Amino acid sequence: MTATTDVLPASGSPARVSGTVRYWAAAKSEAGIAEEPYLAATLAEALAGVRARHADRPGLLRVLGVCSYLVDGDPVGTRDHAGVPLRAGGTVEVLPPFAGG
């Protein structure tokens, strides 16, 4: 996938960039795919896109609510997803709770 960046919107909001969402374990099963592209400026925007594209998959929507997220290998933790910027060519890892972890 080639990374792209939109021009900065007039509103001054961050530019949308392209990258990859990777699903693991139950999230992968519920999504029915291992990964897909995003075009977003923040983690919140990327996840909103996932929810919109998979509105017909209630199991995935439920799992997303309990997942942990890594952005380019860094844990998001309890940070507000709207404040987590994404970079061109980056990766969002969707990690559902694992047994024993």
C-alpha atoms as a PDB file:
ATOM      1  CA  MET A   1       0.000   0.000   0.000  1.00  0.00           C
ATOM      2  CA  THR A   2       1.279   3.453  -0.834  1.00  0.00           C
ATOM      3  CA  ALA A   3       0.972   5.987   1.956  1.00  0.00           C
ATOM      4  CA  THR A   4      -0.903   9.131   1.046  1.00  0.00           C
ATOM      5  CA  THR A   5      -1.579  12.358   2.837  1.00  0.00           C
ATOM      6  CA  ASP A   6      -4.488  14.718   2.230  1.00  0.00           C
ATOM      7  CA  VAL A   7      -3.845  18.436   2.176  1.00  0.00           C
ATOM      8  CA  LEU A   8      -4.436  20.222   5.470  1.00  0.00           C
ATOM      9  CA  PRO A   9      -8.115  21.105   5.686  1.00  0.00           C
ATOM     10  CA  ALA A  10      -8.994  24.793   5.905  1.00  0.00           C
ATOM     11  CA  SER A  11     -10.311  24.262   9.428  1.00  0.00           C
ATOM     12  CA  GLY A  12      -6.761  23.603  10.632  1.00  0.00           C
ATOM     13  CA  SER A  13      -7.570  20.051  11.671  1.00  0.00           C
ATOM     14  CA  PRO A  14      -4.854  17.427  11.145  1.00  0.00           C
ATOM     15  CA  ALA A  15      -4.346  15.947   7.703  1.00  0.00           C
ATOM     16  CA  ARG A  16      -5.838  12.525   6.990  1.00  0.00           C
ATOM     17  CA  VAL A  17      -3.242   9.872   6.183  1.00  0.00           C
ATOM     18  CA  SER A  18      -3.429   6.308   4.948  1.00  0.00           C
ATOM     19  CA  GLY A  19      -2.256   3.261   6.823  1.00  0.00           C
ATOM     20  CA  THR A  20      -3.350  -0.208   7.872  1.00  0.00           C
ATOM     21  CA  VAL A  21      -5.667  -1.553  10.577  1.00  0.00           C
ATOM     22  CA  ARG A  22      -4.645  -5.076  11.643  1.00  0.00           C
ATOM     23  CA  TYR A  23      -7.070  -7.302  13.504  1.00  0.00           C
ATOM     24  CA  TRP A  24      -5.977 -10.022  15.922  1.00  0.00           C
ATOM     25  CA  ALA A  25      -7.726 -13.031  17.473  1.00  0.00           C
ATOM     26  CA  ALA A  26     -11.469 -12.439  18.072  1.00  0.00           C
ATOM     27  CA  ALA A  27     -11.339  -9.062  16.273  1.00  0.00           C
ATOM     28  CA  LYS A  28      -9.956 -10.782  13.167  1.00  0.00           C
ATOM     29  CA  SER A  29     -12.614 -13.457  13.373  1.00  0.00           C
ATOM     30  CA  GLU A  30     -15.430 -10.929  13.773  1.00  0.00           C
ATOM     31  CA  ALA A  31     -14.086  -8.642  11.017  1.00  0.00           C
ATOM     32  CA  GLY A  32     -13.700 -11.559   8.631  1.00  0.00           C
ATOM     33  CA  ILE A  33     -10.390 -10.087   7.426  1.00  0.00           C
ATOM     34  CA  ALA A  34      -6.874  -9.769   8.812  1.00  0.00           C
ATOM     35  CA  GLU A  35      -6.332  -6.146   7.838  1.00  0.00           C
ATOM     36  CA  GLU A  36      -7.720  -3.210   5.902  1.00  0.00           C
ATOM     37  CA  PRO A  37      -6.647   0.311   5.010  1.00  0.00           C
ATOM     38  CA  TYR A  38      -7.598   3.465   6.855  1.00  0.00           C
ATOM     39  CA  LEU A  39      -7.687   7.103   5.791  1.00  0.00           C
ATOM     40  CA  ALA A  40      -7.813   9.139   8.982  1.00  0.00           C
ATOM     41  CA  ALA A  41      -6.019  11.753  11.067  1.00  0.00           C
ATOM     42  CA  THR A  42      -6.605  10.164  14.493  1.00  0.00           C
ATOM     43  CA  LEU A  43      -7.268   6.779  16.003  1.00  0.00           C
ATOM     44  CA  ALA A  44     -10.848   7.853  16.761  1.00  0.00           C
ATOM     45  CA  GLU A  45     -11.414   8.710  13.106  1.00  0.00           C
ATOM     46  CA  ALA A  46      -9.893   5.410  11.933  1.00  0.00           C
ATOM     47  CA  LEU A  47     -12.098   3.436  14.329  1.00  0.00           C
ATOM     48  CA  ALA A  48     -15.170   5.399  13.252  1.00  0.00           C
ATOM     49  CA  GLY A  49     -14.371   4.328   9.686  1.00  0.00           C
ATOM     50  CA  VAL A  50     -14.067   0.703  10.780  1.00  0.00           C
ATOM     51  CA  ARG A  51     -17.432   0.901  12.558  1.00  0.00           C
ATOM     52  CA  ALA A  52     -19.082   2.463   9.504  1.00  0.00           C
ATOM     53  CA  ARG A  53     -17.640  -0.120   7.089  1.00  0.00           C
ATOM     54  CA  HIS A  54     -18.613  -3.018   9.352  1.00  0.00           C
ATOM     55  CA  ALA A  55     -21.982  -1.793  10.667  1.00  0.00           C
ATOM     56  CA  ASP A  56     -23.404  -5.154   9.580  1.00  0.00           C
ATOM     57  CA  ARG A  57     -21.053  -7.022  11.949  1.00  0.00           C
ATOM     58  CA  PRO A  58     -22.363  -6.453  15.493  1.00  0.00           C
ATOM     59  CA  GLY A  59     -19.841  -8.916  16.911  1.00  0.00           C
ATOM     60  CA  LEU A  60     -16.967  -6.781  15.651  1.00  0.00           C
ATOM     61  CA  LEU A  61     -18.569  -3.614  16.981  1.00  0.00           C
ATOM     62  CA  ARG A  62     -18.893  -5.254  20.401  1.00  0.00           C
ATOM     63  CA  VAL A  63     -15.293  -6.525  20.373  1.00  0.00           C
ATOM     64  CA  LEU A  64     -13.939  -3.093  19.402  1.00  0.00           C
ATOM     65  CA  GLY A  65     -15.348  -1.751  22.665  1.00  0.00           C
ATOM     66  CA  VAL A  66     -13.120  -4.006  24.766  1.00  0.00           C
ATOM     67  CA  CYS A  67      -9.961  -3.999  22.645  1.00  0.00           C
ATOM     68  CA  SER A  68      -6.583  -2.503  23.369  1.00  0.00           C
ATOM     69  CA  TYR A  69      -4.875  -0.615  20.572  1.00  0.00           C
ATOM     70  CA  LEU A  70      -1.302  -0.159  19.445  1.00  0.00           C
ATOM     71  CA  VAL A  71      -0.440   2.666  17.062  1.00  0.00           C
ATOM     72  CA  ASP A  72       2.853   2.023  15.300  1.00  0.00           C
ATOM     73  CA  GLY A  73       3.795  -0.371  18.096  1.00  0.00           C
ATOM     74  CA  ASP A  74       3.023   2.042  20.939  1.00  0.00           C
ATOM     75  CA  PRO A  75       0.219   1.190  23.389  1.00  0.00           C
ATOM     76  CA  VAL A  76      -2.645   3.688  23.404  1.00  0.00           C
ATOM     77  CA  GLY A  77      -3.704   2.809  26.933  1.00  0.00           C
ATOM     78  CA  THR A  78      -6.372   5.079  28.382  1.00  0.00           C
ATOM     79  CA  ARG A  79      -5.615   8.070  26.139  1.00  0.00           C
ATOM     80  CA  ASP A  80      -8.540   9.685  24.336  1.00  0.00           C
ATOM     81  CA  HIS A  81      -8.565   8.156  20.838  1.00  0.00           C
ATOM     82  CA  ALA A  82      -9.322  11.573  19.352  1.00  0.00           C
ATOM     83  CA  GLY A  83      -5.946  12.751  20.662  1.00  0.00           C
ATOM     84  CA  VAL A  84      -3.927   9.886  19.169  1.00  0.00           C
ATOM     85  CA  PRO A  85      -2.544  11.047  15.806  1.00  0.00           C
ATOM     86  CA  LEU A  86      -1.847   8.655  12.959  1.00  0.00           C
ATOM     87  CA  ARG A  87       1.052   8.885  10.533  1.00  0.00           C
ATOM     88  CA  ALA A  88       1.225   8.054   6.848  1.00  0.00           C
ATOM     89  CA  GLY A  89       1.997   4.387   6.343  1.00  0.00           C
ATOM     90  CA  GLY A  90       1.287   3.624   9.988  1.00  0.00           C
ATOM     91  CA  THR A  91      -0.376   0.639  11.590  1.00  0.00           C
ATOM     92  CA  VAL A  92      -3.198   0.342  14.096  1.00  0.00           C
ATOM     93  CA  GLU A  93      -3.211  -3.037  15.852  1.00  0.00           C
ATOM     94  CA  VAL A  94      -6.600  -4.122  17.257  1.00  0.00           C
ATOM     95  CA  LEU A  95      -5.988  -6.433  20.228  1.00  0.00           C
ATOM     96  CA  PRO A  96      -8.942  -8.050  21.980  1.00  0.00           C
ATOM     97  CA  PRO A  97      -8.475  -9.340  25.530  1.00  0.00           C
ATOM     98  CA  PHE A  98      -6.545 -12.598  25.537  1.00  0.00           C
ATOM     99  CA  ALA A  99      -7.198 -15.462  27.944  1.00  0.00           C
ATOM    100  CA  GLY A 100      -4.718 -15.426  30.797  1.00  0.00           C
ATOM    101  CA  GLY A 101      -3.517 -11.901  29.901  1.00  0.00           C
END
